[in-house]
Amino acid sequence: MQRLVVTATMKTTKAGMVIAAVIAAAVPVAVAAQPASAAAPAAYGHCRKWHDSNTFGASCTGGGRAAYQAVAVCKNGTAVGGRDEGGESGIWSYAYCTSVHSSLDHGYVQWYL
């Protein structure tokens, strides 16, 4: 079984500044499957989780400088990522399977540095 990991596209400008591709917070993002070896460690903090038939959400604290996002794996096989949140924030991240015309199969929290 593969784990789903969110990757960011980065570009260096002529001035040496690094620019990261940013997606609007209100827009759910489909995430790409990668081998587990590419994943960050699974748990940095404590998370409260919630779901209904279409949505998976997580609120985490105790993650230090790491960040997290809710990931919904939908019944049509698509994985959708919620908004990125800081590891100490406790802010809810929600991933919506309705954004890919499906319903929720299962969900999990993805931590990354």
N, C-alpha and C. Protein backbone atom coordinates (compact mmCIF):
# COMPACT_ATOMS: atom_id res chain seq x y z
N MET A 1 0.83 -1.17 0.00
CA MET A 1 0.00 0.00 0.00
C MET A 1 0.88 1.24 0.00
N GLN A 2 0.55 2.21 -0.82
CA GLN A 2 1.32 3.44 -0.89
C GLN A 2 0.71 4.49 0.01
N ARG A 3 1.56 5.36 0.56
CA ARG A 3 1.09 6.51 1.33
C ARG A 3 1.01 7.70 0.40
N LEU A 4 0.12 8.61 0.69
CA LEU A 4 -0.02 9.81 -0.10
C LEU A 4 0.74 10.94 0.54
N VAL A 5 1.56 11.63 -0.26
CA VAL A 5 2.40 12.70 0.25
C VAL A 5 2.19 13.92 -0.62
N VAL A 6 2.06 15.06 -0.01
CA VAL A 6 1.91 16.31 -0.75
C VAL A 6 3.30 16.85 -1.04
N THR A 7 3.53 17.24 -2.28
CA THR A 7 4.79 17.85 -2.65
C THR A 7 4.53 19.26 -3.16
N ALA A 8 5.47 20.15 -2.92
CA ALA A 8 5.34 21.54 -3.38
C ALA A 8 6.31 21.78 -4.52
N THR A 9 5.90 22.55 -5.49
CA THR A 9 6.76 22.93 -6.58
C THR A 9 7.48 24.21 -6.19
N MET A 10 8.81 24.23 -6.31
CA MET A 10 9.56 25.43 -5.94
C MET A 10 10.41 25.87 -7.11
N LYS A 11 10.61 27.17 -7.20
CA LYS A 11 11.40 27.74 -8.29
C LYS A 11 12.32 28.81 -7.71
N THR A 12 13.56 28.86 -8.20
CA THR A 12 14.49 29.88 -7.76
C THR A 12 14.54 30.98 -8.81
N THR A 13 14.35 32.24 -8.38
CA THR A 13 14.39 33.37 -9.30
C THR A 13 15.84 33.79 -9.55
N LYS A 14 16.05 34.72 -10.49
CA LYS A 14 17.39 35.22 -10.78
C LYS A 14 18.01 35.86 -9.55
N ALA A 15 17.19 36.45 -8.69
CA ALA A 15 17.70 37.11 -7.49
C ALA A 15 18.00 36.09 -6.38
N GLY A 16 17.77 34.83 -6.64
CA GLY A 16 18.06 33.80 -5.66
C GLY A 16 16.94 33.54 -4.67
N MET A 17 15.79 34.17 -4.89
CA MET A 17 14.66 33.96 -4.00
C MET A 17 13.92 32.69 -4.40
N VAL A 18 13.46 31.97 -3.41
CA VAL A 18 12.71 30.74 -3.67
C VAL A 18 11.23 31.07 -3.64
N ILE A 19 10.51 30.64 -4.69
CA ILE A 19 9.08 30.86 -4.79
C ILE A 19 8.40 29.50 -4.78
N ALA A 20 7.43 29.33 -3.91
CA ALA A 20 6.69 28.07 -3.84
C ALA A 20 5.34 28.25 -4.51
N ALA A 21 4.90 27.24 -5.21
CA ALA A 21 3.57 27.28 -5.81
C ALA A 21 2.55 27.19 -4.69
N VAL A 22 1.62 28.13 -4.64
CA VAL A 22 0.62 28.17 -3.58
C VAL A 22 -0.75 28.03 -4.20
N ILE A 23 -1.60 27.23 -3.59
CA ILE A 23 -2.95 27.02 -4.07
C ILE A 23 -3.89 27.67 -3.08
N ALA A 24 -4.92 28.37 -3.58
CA ALA A 24 -5.85 29.10 -2.72
C ALA A 24 -6.39 28.20 -1.62
N ALA A 25 -6.52 28.76 -0.43
CA ALA A 25 -6.91 27.98 0.74
C ALA A 25 -8.27 27.33 0.60
N ALA A 26 -9.18 27.94 -0.13
CA ALA A 26 -10.53 27.42 -0.23
C ALA A 26 -10.66 26.30 -1.27
N VAL A 27 -9.62 26.06 -2.05
CA VAL A 27 -9.69 25.07 -3.12
C VAL A 27 -9.04 23.77 -2.67
N PRO A 28 -9.79 22.66 -2.58
CA PRO A 28 -9.18 21.37 -2.25
C PRO A 28 -8.18 20.97 -3.33
N VAL A 29 -7.17 20.24 -2.94
CA VAL A 29 -6.08 19.89 -3.84
C VAL A 29 -5.97 18.38 -3.94
N ALA A 30 -5.94 17.86 -5.17
CA ALA A 30 -5.68 16.43 -5.35
C ALA A 30 -4.20 16.20 -5.06
N VAL A 31 -3.87 15.13 -4.37
CA VAL A 31 -2.49 14.84 -4.02
C VAL A 31 -2.02 13.60 -4.76
N ALA A 32 -0.71 13.54 -5.00
CA ALA A 32 -0.14 12.45 -5.78
C ALA A 32 0.37 11.33 -4.89
N ALA A 33 0.22 10.10 -5.34
CA ALA A 33 0.70 8.94 -4.58
C ALA A 33 2.20 8.79 -4.78
N GLN A 34 2.93 8.54 -3.68
CA GLN A 34 4.36 8.29 -3.71
C GLN A 34 4.66 7.15 -2.76
N PRO A 35 5.78 6.48 -2.94
CA PRO A 35 6.14 5.39 -2.03
C PRO A 35 6.28 5.89 -0.60
N ALA A 36 6.04 5.01 0.37
CA ALA A 36 6.13 5.37 1.78
C ALA A 36 7.50 5.90 2.15
N SER A 37 8.55 5.48 1.46
CA SER A 37 9.90 5.93 1.78
C SER A 37 10.05 7.43 1.58
N ALA A 38 9.20 8.06 0.76
CA ALA A 38 9.27 9.49 0.52
C ALA A 38 8.49 10.28 1.55
N ALA A 39 7.75 9.61 2.42
CA ALA A 39 6.87 10.29 3.37
C ALA A 39 7.64 10.80 4.58
N ALA A 40 7.12 11.89 5.15
CA ALA A 40 7.63 12.38 6.42
C ALA A 40 7.14 11.43 7.51
N PRO A 41 7.74 11.46 8.70
CA PRO A 41 7.24 10.60 9.78
C PRO A 41 5.74 10.81 10.00
N ALA A 42 5.05 9.75 10.39
CA ALA A 42 3.59 9.74 10.42
C ALA A 42 2.97 10.63 11.47
N ALA A 43 3.57 10.78 12.65
CA ALA A 43 2.88 11.52 13.70
C ALA A 43 3.83 12.46 14.42
N TYR A 44 3.49 13.73 14.44
CA TYR A 44 4.26 14.73 15.16
C TYR A 44 3.51 15.22 16.39
N GLY A 45 2.20 15.28 16.34
CA GLY A 45 1.41 15.83 17.43
C GLY A 45 0.16 15.02 17.67
N HIS A 46 -0.77 15.64 18.38
CA HIS A 46 -2.04 15.00 18.69
C HIS A 46 -3.13 15.62 17.80
N CYS A 47 -3.97 14.77 17.20
CA CYS A 47 -5.01 15.27 16.29
C CYS A 47 -6.39 14.79 16.70
N ARG A 48 -7.35 15.69 16.61
CA ARG A 48 -8.76 15.33 16.67
C ARG A 48 -9.20 15.14 15.23
N LYS A 49 -10.00 14.11 14.97
CA LYS A 49 -10.43 13.80 13.60
C LYS A 49 -11.95 13.77 13.54
N TRP A 50 -12.48 14.09 12.39
CA TRP A 50 -13.92 14.11 12.17
C TRP A 50 -14.18 13.69 10.73
N HIS A 51 -15.33 13.04 10.48
CA HIS A 51 -15.71 12.73 9.09
C HIS A 51 -17.22 12.58 9.00
N ASP A 52 -17.70 12.76 7.78
CA ASP A 52 -19.06 12.37 7.43
C ASP A 52 -18.95 11.57 6.14
N SER A 53 -20.01 11.43 5.41
CA SER A 53 -19.97 10.58 4.22
C SER A 53 -19.15 11.17 3.06
N ASN A 54 -18.83 12.47 3.11
CA ASN A 54 -18.11 13.12 2.02
C ASN A 54 -16.82 13.82 2.41
N THR A 55 -16.62 14.07 3.69
CA THR A 55 -15.57 14.96 4.16
C THR A 55 -14.76 14.32 5.28
N PHE A 56 -13.44 14.59 5.29
CA PHE A 56 -12.58 14.20 6.40
C PHE A 56 -11.90 15.46 6.92
N GLY A 57 -11.86 15.63 8.24
CA GLY A 57 -11.23 16.79 8.83
C GLY A 57 -10.33 16.42 9.98
N ALA A 58 -9.33 17.29 10.26
CA ALA A 58 -8.41 17.07 11.37
C ALA A 58 -8.00 18.41 11.96
N SER A 59 -7.85 18.43 13.28
CA SER A 59 -7.36 19.58 14.02
C SER A 59 -6.22 19.08 14.91
N CYS A 60 -5.01 19.61 14.71
CA CYS A 60 -3.84 19.07 15.41
C CYS A 60 -3.09 20.13 16.20
N THR A 61 -2.47 19.68 17.30
CA THR A 61 -1.59 20.52 18.12
C THR A 61 -0.38 19.67 18.52
N GLY A 62 0.63 20.33 19.03
CA GLY A 62 1.81 19.61 19.51
C GLY A 62 2.76 19.17 18.41
N GLY A 63 2.62 19.75 17.22
CA GLY A 63 3.45 19.35 16.10
C GLY A 63 4.67 20.21 15.87
N GLY A 64 4.90 21.15 16.77
CA GLY A 64 6.09 22.00 16.61
C GLY A 64 6.09 22.76 15.30
N ARG A 65 7.22 22.71 14.60
CA ARG A 65 7.37 23.44 13.34
C ARG A 65 6.84 22.67 12.14
N ALA A 66 6.39 21.43 12.36
CA ALA A 66 5.81 20.64 11.27
C ALA A 66 4.45 21.23 10.89
N ALA A 67 3.95 20.86 9.75
CA ALA A 67 2.62 21.26 9.29
C ALA A 67 1.83 19.99 8.99
N TYR A 68 0.53 20.14 8.87
CA TYR A 68 -0.32 18.99 8.59
C TYR A 68 -1.45 19.39 7.66
N GLN A 69 -2.10 18.38 7.12
CA GLN A 69 -3.32 18.58 6.35
C GLN A 69 -4.14 17.30 6.43
N ALA A 70 -5.46 17.47 6.34
CA ALA A 70 -6.36 16.33 6.25
C ALA A 70 -6.29 15.80 4.82
N VAL A 71 -6.30 14.48 4.67
CA VAL A 71 -6.33 13.87 3.35
C VAL A 71 -7.53 12.92 3.31
N ALA A 72 -8.41 13.12 2.35
CA ALA A 72 -9.56 12.24 2.14
C ALA A 72 -9.28 11.33 0.96
N VAL A 73 -9.42 10.04 1.16
CA VAL A 73 -9.31 9.09 0.06
C VAL A 73 -10.74 8.75 -0.33
N CYS A 74 -11.08 9.10 -1.55
CA CYS A 74 -12.46 9.02 -2.01
C CYS A 74 -12.75 7.66 -2.66
N LYS A 75 -14.02 7.33 -2.75
CA LYS A 75 -14.43 6.03 -3.29
C LYS A 75 -14.09 5.87 -4.76
N ASN A 76 -13.85 6.97 -5.47
CA ASN A 76 -13.46 6.87 -6.88
C ASN A 76 -11.95 6.70 -7.03
N GLY A 77 -11.22 6.56 -5.90
CA GLY A 77 -9.78 6.33 -5.94
C GLY A 77 -8.93 7.59 -5.87
N THR A 78 -9.55 8.75 -5.90
CA THR A 78 -8.82 10.01 -5.84
C THR A 78 -8.57 10.41 -4.40
N ALA A 79 -7.38 10.92 -4.12
CA ALA A 79 -7.07 11.47 -2.81
C ALA A 79 -7.10 12.99 -2.91
N VAL A 80 -7.75 13.62 -1.94
CA VAL A 80 -7.90 15.07 -1.94
C VAL A 80 -7.32 15.61 -0.64
N GLY A 81 -6.48 16.64 -0.75
CA GLY A 81 -5.87 17.24 0.43
C GLY A 81 -6.59 18.49 0.85
N GLY A 82 -6.70 18.68 2.17
CA GLY A 82 -7.28 19.90 2.72
C GLY A 82 -6.22 20.99 2.81
N ARG A 83 -6.59 22.07 3.46
CA ARG A 83 -5.70 23.22 3.62
C ARG A 83 -4.56 22.87 4.57
N ASP A 84 -3.36 23.34 4.27
CA ASP A 84 -2.19 23.15 5.14
C ASP A 84 -2.36 24.01 6.39
N GLU A 85 -2.04 23.45 7.55
CA GLU A 85 -2.10 24.18 8.81
C GLU A 85 -0.83 23.96 9.60
N GLY A 86 -0.47 24.92 10.44
CA GLY A 86 0.71 24.81 11.30
C GLY A 86 0.51 23.77 12.38
N GLY A 87 1.57 23.06 12.74
CA GLY A 87 1.50 21.95 13.67
C GLY A 87 1.07 22.29 15.08
N GLU A 88 1.08 23.55 15.45
CA GLU A 88 0.64 23.99 16.78
C GLU A 88 -0.71 24.70 16.73
N SER A 89 -1.28 24.86 15.54
CA SER A 89 -2.43 25.76 15.36
C SER A 89 -3.75 25.27 15.92
N GLY A 90 -4.02 23.97 15.83
CA GLY A 90 -5.33 23.46 16.23
C GLY A 90 -6.44 23.83 15.26
N ILE A 91 -6.10 24.44 14.14
CA ILE A 91 -7.09 24.84 13.13
C ILE A 91 -7.51 23.62 12.34
N TRP A 92 -8.80 23.53 12.06
CA TRP A 92 -9.32 22.38 11.30
C TRP A 92 -8.93 22.48 9.83
N SER A 93 -8.44 21.38 9.30
CA SER A 93 -8.18 21.20 7.87
C SER A 93 -9.22 20.20 7.37
N TYR A 94 -9.95 20.55 6.32
CA TYR A 94 -10.99 19.67 5.78
C TYR A 94 -10.67 19.31 4.34
N ALA A 95 -10.87 18.05 4.00
CA ALA A 95 -10.71 17.57 2.62
C ALA A 95 -12.08 17.06 2.15
N TYR A 96 -12.50 17.53 0.98
CA TYR A 96 -13.85 17.28 0.48
C TYR A 96 -13.86 16.39 -0.76
N CYS A 97 -14.42 15.19 -0.64
CA CYS A 97 -14.54 14.30 -1.80
C CYS A 97 -15.56 14.82 -2.81
N THR A 98 -16.47 15.66 -2.38
CA THR A 98 -17.43 16.24 -3.33
C THR A 98 -16.72 17.08 -4.39
N SER A 99 -15.49 17.56 -4.09
CA SER A 99 -14.74 18.35 -5.07
C SER A 99 -14.30 17.51 -6.26
N VAL A 100 -14.33 16.17 -6.11
CA VAL A 100 -13.98 15.28 -7.21
C VAL A 100 -15.16 14.34 -7.53
N HIS A 101 -16.35 14.81 -7.20
CA HIS A 101 -17.61 14.11 -7.52
C HIS A 101 -17.63 12.68 -6.97
N SER A 102 -17.28 12.57 -5.68
CA SER A 102 -17.25 11.26 -5.05
C SER A 102 -17.66 11.39 -3.59
N SER A 103 -17.54 10.30 -2.85
CA SER A 103 -17.80 10.30 -1.41
C SER A 103 -16.59 9.69 -0.70
N LEU A 104 -16.55 9.84 0.62
CA LEU A 104 -15.39 9.45 1.40
C LEU A 104 -15.28 7.93 1.59
N ASP A 105 -14.10 7.39 1.33
CA ASP A 105 -13.79 6.01 1.68
C ASP A 105 -13.12 5.99 3.05
N HIS A 106 -12.02 6.75 3.20
CA HIS A 106 -11.35 6.89 4.48
C HIS A 106 -10.47 8.15 4.43
N GLY A 107 -9.93 8.53 5.57
CA GLY A 107 -9.08 9.70 5.61
C GLY A 107 -7.97 9.52 6.62
N TYR A 108 -6.96 10.39 6.55
CA TYR A 108 -5.86 10.38 7.50
C TYR A 108 -5.21 11.76 7.52
N VAL A 109 -4.32 11.96 8.48
CA VAL A 109 -3.58 13.23 8.61
C VAL A 109 -2.20 13.04 8.02
N GLN A 110 -1.79 13.96 7.16
CA GLN A 110 -0.45 13.94 6.57
C GLN A 110 0.38 15.04 7.23
N TRP A 111 1.48 14.67 7.87
CA TRP A 111 2.41 15.61 8.47
C TRP A 111 3.60 15.79 7.54
N TYR A 112 4.19 16.97 7.52
CA TYR A 112 5.39 17.21 6.73
C TYR A 112 6.15 18.40 7.29
N LEU A 113 7.40 18.50 6.91
CA LEU A 113 8.26 19.59 7.40
C LEU A 113 8.33 20.70 6.40
